Amino acid sequence: MSRSRATAALVIGGLLVVLYVVTRLDLSRDTTSSVLVQSEPPAFSAYRHRVVYTFPGLELYLYRAYIDDRFNKNLIRIFGIEKKNNVSGNFRCSWSALRDGITVQAHAPAHKYMVDTSWPNWSPHFANNFDCPIPADDSPSHVLLSRVEDGASVTVPIELTPVRTPRRRLAVCVKPVTGGHFRVDRLVEWLEMQRQAGVERVIIYNTDLAGAARFVLGYYERNGLVQVVDYPYLTAILQKVNAPKYTPEKFYAIYQQVYLVAMHDCLYRFRKTYEHMSFIDVDEVILPTRNESLVTAIDRARTLYPHAAGLLFLTAWHFEDYYRAHDSSTGDKTASYLYMQKYKKATNPIDNQPKCVVVTDYVITINFHSVLDVFSKMYGNQRVSPVDIGYLHHFRGLCDAKFEKKTCMELNSTVRIDPVIPRYEAALRTSVGKVLEQLQVS
């Protein structure tokens, strides 16, 4: 995965994060949560709970806790960030439970493990998860996580989990967005492409999005396509880590680990609302190869692979070089606000940084590209056919900003006019143009 050119921008954006986001929050207030059953999940605000729960004496920063009632057993799962080699000992969970009409304190061992240390493996901090088994009849509103050796503890509320009956079929989850560098026309085009593909909801985690892009998200929130989840946790973590001693590469790695926390928050917060979720960025889109919705393509893939917990979609790279090399002098008639249509030329789909559509009933942990842990060995990742099912379209600027020169030369030999992207041009020309005309902020 490329790190060089993105690193500086990520670090500068993080260091200049607007600090008032955290200072405005009521960090001391906790409220009891409960399971809510309704036709549509409510709008979510991160201000229900503390931004971060710190553990006394340890560089352990917890974010949220959830009850996982799948797999014929119940677990409390607590996600957060810890400093490498700083958190040790035996942990346990405690909660209030009703036994024969009497409220008692119940206890269970807490098992801690890292979500993914394989990349970025140089990070000084890693996303983690504590698992605590609880009886099926217990429904605690809070969990006390303590270290047995010294009794240090922290109380974390059990987060609200919206339920939709029946569940929707497909949502896209976008890792935290920061800064104000998003072009309005590209963001509108990306969202309209998701709608055209059959995505029912785009869930965007927002740390400090600024500029005109926030009006775009507001427009799509009102129209039901977008749900924004406030995510000041990233800001809080950047304030707590030892910034003066960290290189830009280490800050980049911390960002990725905090993103993993957000991705798992999205998975566990919305798993009872959506059957499938994909975790992609705003320069990517998964499209079906046939002239059908992505949901239909996913249904066909699941029929072919009933034990797939994660459906892996190969990547077609859409680099701007391909337009410059082939089309700059031919007179392009594509609407100026349709970036993806302009850069429709791409490589053949290859097994290079694929992205995954996960089956929310089967998945325990994930990373940026695939499923990591599942409840049964019979389930796992399954690569789907780009010819028969679909593939990922990744729009990534210039090739040499992502890959070495030799790799770019190899990729260039497979470039073609992508057969899928042009299918959406007419509909996008109308829908994107209409939204841009309404917004008047491009």
Protein backbone atom coordinates (compact mmCIF):
# COMPACT_ATOMS: atom_id res chain seq x y z
CA MET A 1 0.00 0.00 0.00
CA SER A 2 1.40 3.44 -0.99
CA ARG A 3 2.30 5.77 1.86
CA SER A 4 4.77 8.40 0.61
CA ARG A 5 2.69 11.19 -0.88
CA ALA A 6 -0.39 10.72 1.25
CA THR A 7 1.57 10.79 4.50
CA ALA A 8 2.36 14.48 4.68
CA ALA A 9 -1.19 15.54 3.90
CA LEU A 10 -2.64 13.17 6.46
CA VAL A 11 -0.30 14.34 9.20
CA ILE A 12 -0.74 18.05 8.54
CA GLY A 13 -4.50 17.59 8.50
CA GLY A 14 -4.39 15.75 11.78
CA LEU A 15 -2.12 18.22 13.54
CA LEU A 16 -4.31 21.11 12.47
CA VAL A 17 -7.53 19.45 13.58
CA VAL A 18 -9.94 21.95 15.03
CA LEU A 19 -9.60 21.55 18.79
CA TYR A 20 -12.90 23.15 19.66
CA VAL A 21 -14.69 19.97 18.52
CA VAL A 22 -13.58 18.27 21.71
CA THR A 23 -13.75 21.25 24.04
CA ARG A 24 -17.42 21.76 23.11
CA LEU A 25 -18.31 18.25 24.19
CA ASP A 26 -19.64 17.32 27.60
CA LEU A 27 -16.96 14.73 28.33
CA SER A 28 -18.28 13.77 31.73
CA ARG A 29 -21.85 12.85 30.84
CA ASP A 30 -22.93 9.24 30.36
CA THR A 31 -26.43 8.16 29.52
CA THR A 32 -27.99 4.74 29.72
CA SER A 33 -28.53 3.15 26.32
CA SER A 34 -31.02 0.54 25.20
CA VAL A 35 -31.91 -1.46 22.12
CA LEU A 36 -34.30 0.38 19.86
CA VAL A 37 -36.63 -1.42 17.42
CA GLN A 38 -38.17 0.73 14.70
CA SER A 39 -38.57 0.99 10.96
CA GLU A 40 -35.64 3.39 10.50
CA PRO A 41 -32.55 3.94 12.69
CA PRO A 42 -32.35 7.36 14.34
CA ALA A 43 -29.83 10.02 13.44
CA PHE A 44 -26.71 9.36 15.48
CA SER A 45 -24.75 11.87 17.54
CA ALA A 46 -21.40 11.06 19.14
CA TYR A 47 -22.27 13.44 21.95
CA ARG A 48 -24.28 10.82 23.86
CA HIS A 49 -21.12 9.54 25.52
CA ARG A 50 -17.58 10.59 26.25
CA VAL A 51 -15.35 10.95 23.23
CA VAL A 52 -12.72 8.64 24.72
CA TYR A 53 -12.52 6.50 27.86
CA THR A 54 -9.03 6.46 29.33
CA PHE A 55 -7.66 3.68 31.52
CA PRO A 56 -5.75 4.78 34.66
CA GLY A 57 -2.02 4.23 34.36
CA LEU A 58 -2.14 2.78 30.84
CA GLU A 59 -1.95 4.25 27.36
CA LEU A 60 -5.26 2.58 26.57
CA TYR A 61 -7.99 4.69 24.98
CA LEU A 62 -11.38 3.01 24.61
CA TYR A 63 -14.07 4.21 22.24
CA ARG A 64 -17.28 2.17 22.34
CA ALA A 65 -18.77 -1.06 23.70
CA TYR A 66 -21.38 -3.26 22.03
CA ILE A 67 -23.28 -6.44 22.81
CA ASP A 68 -22.74 -9.08 20.15
CA ASP A 69 -25.63 -11.57 20.33
CA ARG A 70 -24.74 -13.63 17.26
CA PHE A 71 -23.30 -17.15 17.08
CA ASN A 72 -25.45 -18.60 19.91
CA LYS A 73 -23.53 -16.72 22.59
CA ASN A 74 -23.44 -13.17 23.87
CA LEU A 75 -20.32 -11.07 24.17
CA ILE A 76 -19.54 -7.55 25.21
CA ARG A 77 -17.07 -6.15 22.69
CA ILE A 78 -15.06 -3.04 23.56
CA PHE A 79 -13.00 -1.32 20.85
CA GLY A 80 -10.20 1.17 21.31
CA ILE A 81 -6.53 2.02 20.78
CA GLU A 82 -3.53 1.00 22.86
CA LYS A 83 0.15 1.86 22.78
CA LYS A 84 2.36 -0.99 21.64
CA ASN A 85 3.95 -2.92 24.53
CA ASN A 86 2.27 -0.67 27.11
CA VAL A 87 -0.89 -2.61 27.99
CA SER A 88 -0.47 -5.91 29.83
CA GLY A 89 -2.13 -7.88 32.61
CA ASN A 90 -5.33 -9.79 33.16
CA PHE A 91 -8.58 -7.94 32.53
CA ARG A 92 -12.16 -8.67 33.47
CA CYS A 93 -15.58 -7.22 32.81
CA SER A 94 -18.19 -6.47 35.46
CA TRP A 95 -21.81 -5.43 34.99
CA SER A 96 -25.11 -5.22 36.82
CA ALA A 97 -27.39 -8.22 36.33
CA LEU A 98 -30.75 -9.33 37.66
CA ARG A 99 -30.66 -12.69 39.46
CA ASP A 100 -33.92 -13.97 41.03
CA GLY A 101 -35.21 -10.42 41.26
CA ILE A 102 -32.03 -9.11 42.91
CA THR A 103 -29.48 -6.84 41.21
CA VAL A 104 -25.98 -8.27 41.56
CA GLN A 105 -22.55 -7.62 40.06
CA ALA A 106 -21.66 -10.22 37.44
CA HIS A 107 -18.10 -10.83 36.27
CA ALA A 108 -16.32 -12.49 33.35
CA PRO A 109 -12.73 -12.58 32.04
CA ALA A 110 -11.93 -10.09 29.29
CA HIS A 111 -9.87 -11.41 26.40
CA LYS A 112 -7.81 -8.75 24.62
CA TYR A 113 -6.44 -8.97 21.10
CA MET A 114 -5.20 -6.61 18.40
CA VAL A 115 -7.47 -6.05 15.40
CA ASP A 116 -4.69 -6.02 12.77
CA THR A 117 -0.96 -5.52 13.38
CA SER A 118 0.08 -6.54 9.86
CA TRP A 119 -0.38 -3.05 8.39
CA PRO A 120 0.82 -0.50 9.22
CA ASN A 121 3.13 -2.72 11.29
CA TRP A 122 5.32 0.24 12.30
CA SER A 123 2.51 1.96 14.19
CA PRO A 124 3.23 2.88 17.83
CA HIS A 125 -0.48 2.40 18.61
CA PHE A 126 -2.84 -0.36 17.51
CA ALA A 127 -6.60 -0.89 17.45
CA ASN A 128 -7.72 -3.50 19.95
CA ASN A 129 -10.79 -5.37 21.13
CA PHE A 130 -11.81 -6.75 24.52
CA ASP A 131 -14.28 -9.68 24.49
CA CYS A 132 -16.32 -10.53 27.59
CA PRO A 133 -18.85 -13.42 27.57
CA ILE A 134 -22.19 -12.68 29.26
CA PRO A 135 -25.37 -14.73 29.81
CA ALA A 136 -28.00 -14.37 27.09
CA ASP A 137 -30.55 -12.98 29.56
CA ASP A 138 -28.30 -10.12 30.66
CA SER A 139 -28.67 -6.74 28.95
CA PRO A 140 -26.36 -4.35 30.80
CA SER A 141 -26.26 -0.65 30.01
CA HIS A 142 -22.64 -0.26 31.19
CA VAL A 143 -19.57 -2.45 31.53
CA LEU A 144 -16.70 -1.96 34.00
CA LEU A 145 -13.37 -3.05 32.51
CA SER A 146 -10.71 -3.59 35.19
CA ARG A 147 -7.19 -4.94 35.47
CA VAL A 148 -6.97 -7.72 38.02
CA GLU A 149 -3.40 -6.96 39.12
CA ASP A 150 -4.01 -3.44 40.43
CA GLY A 151 -7.79 -2.89 40.29
CA ALA A 152 -7.53 0.02 37.84
CA SER A 153 -10.79 0.33 35.94
CA VAL A 154 -12.93 2.34 33.57
CA THR A 155 -16.69 2.24 32.94
CA VAL A 156 -17.92 2.27 29.34
CA PRO A 157 -21.61 2.50 28.32
CA ILE A 158 -23.03 -0.21 26.09
CA GLU A 159 -23.80 1.61 22.85
CA LEU A 160 -27.21 1.84 21.21
CA THR A 161 -27.69 -0.62 18.36
CA PRO A 162 -30.49 0.41 16.00
CA VAL A 163 -32.63 -2.42 14.62
CA ARG A 164 -34.49 -2.30 11.32
CA THR A 165 -37.04 -4.98 10.47
CA PRO A 166 -36.59 -6.11 7.80
CA ARG A 167 -32.98 -5.11 7.41
CA ARG A 168 -31.85 -3.14 4.41
CA ARG A 169 -29.62 -4.94 1.94
CA LEU A 170 -26.51 -2.81 1.44
CA ALA A 171 -24.70 0.15 2.99
CA VAL A 172 -21.34 1.73 2.26
CA CYS A 173 -19.23 2.73 5.25
CA VAL A 174 -16.63 5.49 4.74
CA LYS A 175 -13.73 5.82 7.16
CA PRO A 176 -13.29 9.21 8.90
CA VAL A 177 -13.05 12.23 6.63
CA THR A 178 -11.06 15.29 7.62
CA GLY A 179 -10.31 18.72 6.21
CA GLY A 180 -12.00 20.59 3.38
CA HIS A 181 -10.23 19.28 0.30
CA PHE A 182 -13.20 17.48 -1.27
CA ARG A 183 -14.41 18.95 -4.54
CA VAL A 184 -18.15 19.39 -4.53
CA ASP A 185 -18.71 18.04 -8.04
CA ARG A 186 -16.64 14.91 -7.39
CA LEU A 187 -18.39 14.21 -4.09
CA VAL A 188 -21.82 14.63 -5.70
CA GLU A 189 -20.83 12.39 -8.61
CA TRP A 190 -19.52 9.72 -6.22
CA LEU A 191 -22.71 9.74 -4.15
CA GLU A 192 -24.92 9.64 -7.23
CA MET A 193 -22.89 6.70 -8.55
CA GLN A 194 -23.51 4.84 -5.28
CA ARG A 195 -27.23 5.49 -5.69
CA GLN A 196 -27.18 4.30 -9.30
CA ALA A 197 -25.38 1.11 -8.23
CA GLY A 198 -28.15 0.31 -5.74
CA VAL A 199 -26.47 1.28 -2.46
CA GLU A 200 -29.21 2.13 0.04
CA ARG A 201 -27.21 4.18 2.55
CA VAL A 202 -23.77 5.80 2.66
CA ILE A 203 -22.51 6.10 6.24
CA ILE A 204 -19.77 8.70 6.56
CA TYR A 205 -17.66 9.12 9.67
CA ASN A 206 -16.83 12.80 10.05
CA THR A 207 -14.00 14.18 12.15
CA ASP A 208 -13.70 17.76 10.93
CA LEU A 209 -14.98 18.03 7.38
CA ALA A 210 -14.95 21.69 6.34
CA GLY A 211 -15.75 23.77 3.30
CA ALA A 212 -18.56 23.35 0.82
CA ALA A 213 -18.45 19.55 1.06
CA ARG A 214 -20.38 19.69 4.34
CA PHE A 215 -23.33 21.25 2.48
CA VAL A 216 -23.26 18.30 0.09
CA LEU A 217 -23.53 15.85 2.98
CA GLY A 218 -26.33 17.91 4.50
CA TYR A 219 -28.25 17.79 1.24
CA TYR A 220 -27.92 14.01 0.98
CA GLU A 221 -28.77 13.52 4.66
CA ARG A 222 -32.07 15.31 4.05
CA ASN A 223 -32.66 13.13 1.00
CA GLY A 224 -31.98 9.91 2.89
CA LEU A 225 -28.89 8.61 1.06
CA VAL A 226 -26.27 9.71 3.61
CA GLN A 227 -25.97 9.23 7.34
CA VAL A 228 -23.17 11.16 9.05
CA VAL A 229 -21.62 9.82 12.25
CA ASP A 230 -19.63 12.38 14.22
CA TYR A 231 -16.19 10.97 15.06
CA PRO A 232 -14.16 13.29 17.30
CA TYR A 233 -12.30 10.23 18.65
CA LEU A 234 -9.57 10.82 16.05
CA THR A 235 -9.06 14.35 17.35
CA ALA A 236 -8.88 13.11 20.93
CA ILE A 237 -6.31 10.42 20.11
CA LEU A 238 -4.08 12.91 18.31
CA GLN A 239 -4.07 15.06 21.42
CA LYS A 240 -3.12 12.14 23.68
CA VAL A 241 -0.30 10.50 21.73
CA ASN A 242 3.25 11.76 22.19
CA ALA A 243 3.34 13.98 19.12
CA PRO A 244 6.85 15.56 19.40
CA LYS A 245 8.53 12.14 19.19
CA TYR A 246 6.56 10.74 16.29
CA THR A 247 7.63 10.91 12.66
CA PRO A 248 5.13 11.64 9.88
CA GLU A 249 5.18 7.92 9.04
CA LYS A 250 4.16 7.03 12.59
CA PHE A 251 1.35 9.57 12.54
CA TYR A 252 0.16 8.10 9.26
CA ALA A 253 0.11 4.66 10.89
CA ILE A 254 -1.85 5.96 13.89
CA TYR A 255 -4.45 7.39 11.52
CA GLN A 256 -4.92 3.97 9.92
CA GLN A 257 -5.36 2.25 13.28
CA VAL A 258 -7.92 4.85 14.41
CA TYR A 259 -9.70 4.28 11.10
CA LEU A 260 -9.95 0.58 12.00
CA VAL A 261 -11.75 1.55 15.22
CA ALA A 262 -14.25 3.59 13.19
CA MET A 263 -14.80 0.73 10.73
CA HIS A 264 -15.63 -1.67 13.56
CA ASP A 265 -17.88 0.90 15.15
CA CYS A 266 -19.77 1.08 11.86
CA LEU A 267 -19.96 -2.71 11.60
CA TYR A 268 -21.31 -3.25 15.10
CA ARG A 269 -23.49 -0.14 15.23
CA PHE A 270 -25.32 -0.93 11.99
CA ARG A 271 -25.13 -4.72 11.60
CA LYS A 272 -28.78 -5.04 12.68
CA THR A 273 -29.78 -2.48 10.07
CA TYR A 274 -27.94 -3.83 7.00
CA GLU A 275 -27.28 -7.36 5.71
CA HIS A 276 -24.20 -6.31 3.76
CA MET A 277 -21.65 -3.52 4.17
CA SER A 278 -18.72 -2.40 2.07
CA PHE A 279 -15.85 -0.33 3.41
CA ILE A 280 -14.53 1.92 0.65
CA ASP A 281 -13.15 5.43 0.19
CA VAL A 282 -14.60 8.35 -1.73
CA ASP A 283 -12.34 7.65 -4.71
CA GLU A 284 -13.68 4.11 -5.08
CA VAL A 285 -16.90 2.49 -6.23
CA ILE A 286 -17.90 -1.17 -6.53
CA LEU A 287 -20.05 -1.77 -9.60
CA PRO A 288 -21.74 -4.86 -11.03
CA THR A 289 -20.41 -6.08 -14.37
CA ARG A 290 -23.87 -6.88 -15.72
CA ASN A 291 -26.58 -4.30 -16.21
CA GLU A 292 -28.12 -4.92 -12.78
CA SER A 293 -27.96 -3.52 -9.26
CA LEU A 294 -25.04 -4.31 -7.01
CA VAL A 295 -27.47 -5.99 -4.59
CA THR A 296 -28.53 -8.41 -7.32
CA ALA A 297 -24.90 -9.16 -8.13
CA ILE A 298 -24.19 -9.78 -4.43
CA ASP A 299 -27.17 -12.15 -4.23
CA ARG A 300 -25.80 -14.14 -7.17
CA ALA A 301 -22.34 -14.24 -5.57
CA ARG A 302 -23.76 -15.49 -2.29
CA THR A 303 -25.66 -18.22 -4.11
CA LEU A 304 -22.38 -19.32 -5.70
CA TYR A 305 -20.44 -18.98 -2.44
CA PRO A 306 -22.80 -19.59 0.51
CA HIS A 307 -19.91 -19.66 3.01
CA ALA A 308 -18.46 -16.31 1.98
CA ALA A 309 -18.19 -13.89 4.91
CA GLY A 310 -16.41 -11.40 2.68
CA LEU A 311 -16.85 -11.01 -1.08
CA LEU A 312 -13.58 -9.69 -2.54
CA PHE A 313 -13.90 -7.43 -5.59
CA LEU A 314 -10.76 -7.03 -7.74
CA THR A 315 -9.48 -3.56 -8.64
CA ALA A 316 -9.48 -1.69 -11.94
CA TRP A 317 -7.17 1.33 -11.62
CA HIS A 318 -8.37 4.54 -13.26
CA PHE A 319 -5.30 6.77 -13.44
CA GLU A 320 -5.33 10.24 -14.95
CA ASP A 321 -2.29 9.29 -17.04
CA TYR A 322 -4.51 7.21 -19.28
CA TYR A 323 -6.62 10.20 -20.30
CA ARG A 324 -3.56 12.36 -20.85
CA ALA A 325 -1.90 9.70 -22.95
CA HIS A 326 -4.86 8.84 -25.15
CA ASP A 327 -7.55 11.49 -25.14
CA SER A 328 -6.16 14.96 -24.48
CA SER A 329 -6.05 15.87 -28.15
CA THR A 330 -9.19 14.12 -29.36
CA GLY A 331 -11.80 16.53 -28.00
CA ASP A 332 -13.50 15.02 -24.98
CA LYS A 333 -17.24 15.74 -24.87
CA THR A 334 -17.82 14.41 -21.34
CA ALA A 335 -19.58 16.86 -19.01
CA SER A 336 -16.97 18.79 -17.04
CA TYR A 337 -18.49 17.74 -13.71
CA LEU A 338 -18.24 13.99 -14.41
CA TYR A 339 -14.73 13.05 -13.33
CA MET A 340 -15.24 9.29 -13.40
CA GLN A 341 -16.64 9.45 -16.91
CA LYS A 342 -13.72 11.55 -18.09
CA TYR A 343 -11.27 9.03 -16.68
CA LYS A 344 -13.17 5.98 -17.84
CA LYS A 345 -10.02 4.29 -19.12
CA ALA A 346 -8.66 1.76 -16.67
CA THR A 347 -6.61 -1.37 -16.23
CA ASN A 348 -8.14 -4.78 -16.37
CA PRO A 349 -9.35 -5.82 -12.89
CA ILE A 350 -6.43 -7.26 -10.92
CA ASP A 351 -5.87 -8.71 -7.46
CA ASN A 352 -4.22 -5.56 -6.13
CA GLN A 353 -5.81 -3.95 -3.06
CA PRO A 354 -9.28 -5.46 -3.57
CA LYS A 355 -12.17 -4.28 -1.44
CA CYS A 356 -14.71 -6.37 0.37
CA VAL A 357 -18.47 -6.56 0.78
CA VAL A 358 -19.01 -8.23 4.15
CA VAL A 359 -21.94 -10.34 5.31
CA THR A 360 -22.71 -8.72 8.64
CA ASP A 361 -24.07 -11.93 10.20
CA TYR A 362 -20.72 -13.72 9.88
CA VAL A 363 -17.98 -11.16 10.46
CA ILE A 364 -16.11 -10.46 13.71
CA THR A 365 -13.19 -8.27 12.60
CA ILE A 366 -12.09 -6.72 9.31
CA ASN A 367 -9.26 -4.66 7.84
CA PHE A 368 -9.20 -2.27 4.89
CA HIS A 369 -9.43 -5.03 2.29
CA SER A 370 -10.92 -8.21 3.70
CA VAL A 371 -12.47 -10.13 6.56
CA LEU A 372 -10.04 -11.06 9.34
CA ASP A 373 -11.97 -13.12 11.85
CA VAL A 374 -15.20 -15.11 11.58
CA PHE A 375 -17.19 -17.20 14.05
CA SER A 376 -16.66 -20.48 12.16
CA LYS A 377 -13.81 -21.82 10.03
CA MET A 378 -16.27 -22.71 7.29
CA TYR A 379 -16.66 -19.00 6.51
CA GLY A 380 -14.05 -16.72 4.96
CA ASN A 381 -13.08 -14.44 2.09
CA GLN A 382 -14.13 -15.31 -1.44
CA ARG A 383 -12.85 -13.58 -4.57
CA VAL A 384 -15.68 -12.95 -7.03
CA SER A 385 -15.45 -13.00 -10.80
CA PRO A 386 -14.97 -9.54 -12.35
CA VAL A 387 -16.46 -10.94 -15.56
CA ASP A 388 -19.66 -12.30 -14.04
CA ILE A 389 -20.19 -10.40 -10.76
CA GLY A 390 -18.36 -7.05 -10.56
CA TYR A 391 -15.21 -5.23 -9.53
CA LEU A 392 -13.85 -2.16 -7.76
CA HIS A 393 -13.10 1.04 -9.69
CA HIS A 394 -10.33 3.02 -8.01
CA PHE A 395 -9.72 6.61 -9.20
CA ARG A 396 -6.28 7.57 -7.92
CA GLY A 397 -4.73 10.52 -9.78
CA LEU A 398 -1.40 9.75 -11.44
CA CYS A 399 0.00 6.24 -11.48
CA ASP A 400 3.51 7.22 -10.31
CA ALA A 401 1.97 8.76 -7.19
CA LYS A 402 0.79 5.28 -6.24
CA PHE A 403 3.18 2.75 -7.79
CA GLU A 404 6.78 2.41 -8.92
CA LYS A 405 7.57 3.19 -12.56
CA LYS A 406 7.96 -0.50 -13.48
CA THR A 407 4.54 -1.34 -12.05
CA CYS A 408 2.95 1.57 -13.90
CA MET A 409 4.43 0.33 -17.17
CA GLU A 410 3.00 -3.13 -16.55
CA LEU A 411 -0.43 -1.75 -15.69
CA ASN A 412 -0.42 0.54 -18.72
CA SER A 413 -0.19 -2.47 -21.03
CA THR A 414 -3.70 -3.56 -19.97
CA VAL A 415 -5.47 -0.20 -20.25
CA ARG A 416 -8.82 -0.15 -22.00
CA ILE A 417 -12.01 1.88 -22.04
CA ASP A 418 -13.76 0.39 -19.08
CA PRO A 419 -16.96 -1.36 -20.21
CA VAL A 420 -18.91 -0.61 -17.01
CA ILE A 421 -18.38 3.08 -16.17
CA PRO A 422 -19.93 4.52 -19.40
CA ARG A 423 -23.18 2.69 -18.65
CA TYR A 424 -23.99 5.31 -16.00
CA GLU A 425 -23.03 8.44 -17.95
CA ALA A 426 -26.47 9.54 -19.16
CA ALA A 427 -28.14 9.11 -15.77
CA LEU A 428 -25.26 10.82 -13.96
CA ARG A 429 -25.20 13.75 -16.37
CA THR A 430 -28.78 14.47 -15.38
CA SER A 431 -28.69 13.70 -11.64
CA VAL A 432 -25.31 15.29 -10.86
CA GLY A 433 -26.14 18.37 -12.91
CA LYS A 434 -29.44 18.75 -11.08
CA VAL A 435 -27.84 18.49 -7.63
CA LEU A 436 -25.05 20.93 -8.49
CA GLU A 437 -27.64 23.37 -9.77
CA GLN A 438 -29.58 23.08 -6.52
CA LEU A 439 -26.54 23.41 -4.26
CA GLN A 440 -24.83 26.27 -6.10
CA VAL A 441 -21.66 25.74 -4.02
CA SER A 442 -19.29 24.15 -6.53
